[in-house]
């Protein structure tokens, strides 16, 4: 299986509680093209668990906007965004740790990109990927 690091693609890593970084249970969405450094901006999606929970409201996703979204509300977790390379994803595939899902719609991709620009949670070092939207 080959997974291309392309804008609009979605995936998750298999749950491995002993690992940090790429091995999260959250859906991840590639929101930029690959930059000259061979990396693209990838944003995890997390569930809103309660009305009192503190979370980034820059981009709220609703149940059904993607097949993975089964809870009423989720959000783009820009604070945990990463710049990943094709090599990072190839490593997950090689170890059978990557599950690919269908691409997001162009409208949802645009909302995620707009949210990244609005968010005060996205690490500053990742803002350079805005040029790759």
Protein backbone atom coordinates (compact mmCIF):
# COMPACT_ATOMS: atom_id res chain seq x y z
CA UNK A 1 0.00 0.00 0.00
CA UNK A 2 1.25 3.47 -0.86
CA UNK A 3 -0.09 6.58 0.83
CA UNK A 4 0.71 9.87 -0.87
CA UNK A 5 1.26 12.97 1.23
CA UNK A 6 -1.18 15.18 -0.67
CA UNK A 7 -3.49 18.01 0.31
CA UNK A 8 -6.92 16.71 1.35
CA UNK A 9 -5.74 13.18 2.24
CA UNK A 10 -6.73 11.73 5.61
CA UNK A 11 -5.30 8.98 7.79
CA UNK A 12 -4.75 7.85 11.32
CA UNK A 13 -2.01 5.87 12.98
CA UNK A 14 -2.92 2.68 14.77
CA UNK A 15 -3.17 3.22 18.51
CA UNK A 16 0.10 2.49 20.25
CA UNK A 17 0.03 3.96 23.75
CA UNK A 18 3.78 3.46 24.19
CA UNK A 19 4.59 5.85 21.35
CA UNK A 20 4.37 9.62 21.04
CA UNK A 21 4.19 11.78 17.92
CA UNK A 22 2.65 10.11 14.89
CA UNK A 23 0.88 7.23 16.67
CA UNK A 24 -2.35 8.92 17.69
CA UNK A 25 -5.87 7.59 17.40
CA UNK A 26 -7.03 10.90 15.92
CA UNK A 27 -7.87 11.42 12.29
CA UNK A 28 -5.19 13.53 10.62
CA UNK A 29 -5.77 15.72 7.61
CA UNK A 30 -3.11 16.99 5.21
CA UNK A 31 -4.01 20.66 4.64
CA UNK A 32 -1.10 21.88 2.52
CA UNK A 33 0.87 20.85 -0.52
CA UNK A 34 4.35 19.57 0.09
CA UNK A 35 6.81 22.42 0.63
CA UNK A 36 10.35 22.65 -0.73
CA UNK A 37 11.58 20.94 2.45
CA UNK A 38 9.55 17.82 1.54
CA UNK A 39 7.03 18.30 4.34
CA UNK A 40 3.33 19.15 4.45
CA UNK A 41 1.13 20.55 7.21
CA UNK A 42 -0.97 17.86 8.91
CA UNK A 43 -3.67 18.66 11.47
CA UNK A 44 -5.22 16.17 13.90
CA UNK A 45 -8.94 16.22 14.62
CA UNK A 46 -10.22 15.75 18.16
CA UNK A 47 -13.65 15.33 19.72
CA UNK A 48 -15.33 18.05 21.77
CA UNK A 49 -16.23 16.10 24.92
CA UNK A 50 -18.19 18.73 26.86
CA UNK A 51 -19.49 22.27 26.60
CA UNK A 52 -17.06 23.38 29.32
CA UNK A 53 -14.01 21.89 27.60
CA UNK A 54 -11.41 24.39 26.45
CA UNK A 55 -10.57 23.85 22.79
CA UNK A 56 -9.61 25.81 19.69
CA UNK A 57 -12.80 27.00 18.00
CA UNK A 58 -11.08 28.12 14.78
CA UNK A 59 -12.52 25.17 12.85
CA UNK A 60 -15.39 23.08 14.21
CA UNK A 61 -16.36 19.92 12.35
CA UNK A 62 -19.74 18.29 12.64
CA UNK A 63 -20.78 14.66 12.62
CA UNK A 64 -20.96 13.35 9.07
CA UNK A 65 -18.70 15.92 7.41
CA UNK A 66 -16.30 13.01 7.03
CA UNK A 67 -17.00 9.31 7.64
CA UNK A 68 -14.59 9.25 10.59
CA UNK A 69 -16.56 11.97 12.41
CA UNK A 70 -19.15 10.11 14.47
CA UNK A 71 -19.48 12.49 17.43
CA UNK A 72 -21.64 15.64 17.35
CA UNK A 73 -18.70 18.06 17.32
CA UNK A 74 -14.99 17.80 16.68
CA UNK A 75 -12.31 20.44 16.20
CA UNK A 76 -9.07 20.93 14.35
CA UNK A 77 -6.39 20.51 17.01
CA UNK A 78 -3.99 23.08 15.55
CA UNK A 79 -1.82 23.08 18.69
CA UNK A 80 -0.81 19.49 17.78
CA UNK A 81 -0.31 20.07 14.05
CA UNK A 82 2.87 18.68 12.52
CA UNK A 83 4.93 19.04 9.37
CA UNK A 84 5.28 15.48 8.09
CA UNK A 85 7.32 14.06 5.26
CA UNK A 86 6.51 11.27 2.83
CA UNK A 87 9.20 9.26 4.62
CA UNK A 88 7.28 9.61 7.93
CA UNK A 89 4.17 8.16 6.31
CA UNK A 90 6.08 5.46 4.44
CA UNK A 91 7.46 4.30 7.80
CA UNK A 92 3.94 4.01 9.22
CA UNK A 93 2.85 2.03 6.14
CA UNK A 94 5.90 -0.22 6.37
CA UNK A 95 4.99 -1.11 9.97
CA UNK A 96 1.26 -1.49 9.17
CA UNK A 97 0.47 1.46 11.42
CA UNK A 98 -1.38 3.70 8.97
CA UNK A 99 -5.07 3.54 8.15
CA UNK A 100 -6.11 5.69 5.21
CA UNK A 101 -9.57 7.24 4.94
CA UNK A 102 -11.32 9.09 2.13
CA UNK A 103 -10.22 12.60 1.20
CA UNK A 104 -11.97 15.58 2.74
CA UNK A 105 -14.25 17.69 0.56
CA UNK A 106 -12.78 20.83 -1.03
CA UNK A 107 -15.10 22.90 1.21
CA UNK A 108 -13.89 21.24 4.41
CA UNK A 109 -10.27 21.56 3.29
CA UNK A 110 -10.81 25.30 2.77
CA UNK A 111 -12.36 25.64 6.25
CA UNK A 112 -9.39 23.82 7.79
CA UNK A 113 -6.94 26.10 5.98
CA UNK A 114 -8.89 29.23 7.01
CA UNK A 115 -8.97 27.95 10.58
CA UNK A 116 -5.21 27.43 10.56
CA UNK A 117 -4.74 31.07 9.57
CA UNK A 118 -7.12 32.24 12.33
CA UNK A 119 -5.91 29.97 15.11
CA UNK A 120 -3.68 31.33 17.83
CA UNK A 121 -2.83 27.72 18.74
CA UNK A 122 -0.90 26.74 15.59
CA UNK A 123 2.83 26.75 16.35
CA UNK A 124 4.48 29.73 14.65
CA UNK A 125 7.09 27.53 12.97
CA UNK A 126 4.28 25.88 10.95
CA UNK A 127 2.83 29.11 9.56
CA UNK A 128 5.29 28.99 6.65
CA UNK A 129 3.11 26.21 5.19
CA UNK A 130 0.34 28.77 4.52
CA UNK A 131 2.24 29.48 1.28
CA UNK A 132 1.48 25.89 0.24
CA UNK A 133 -2.32 26.16 0.52
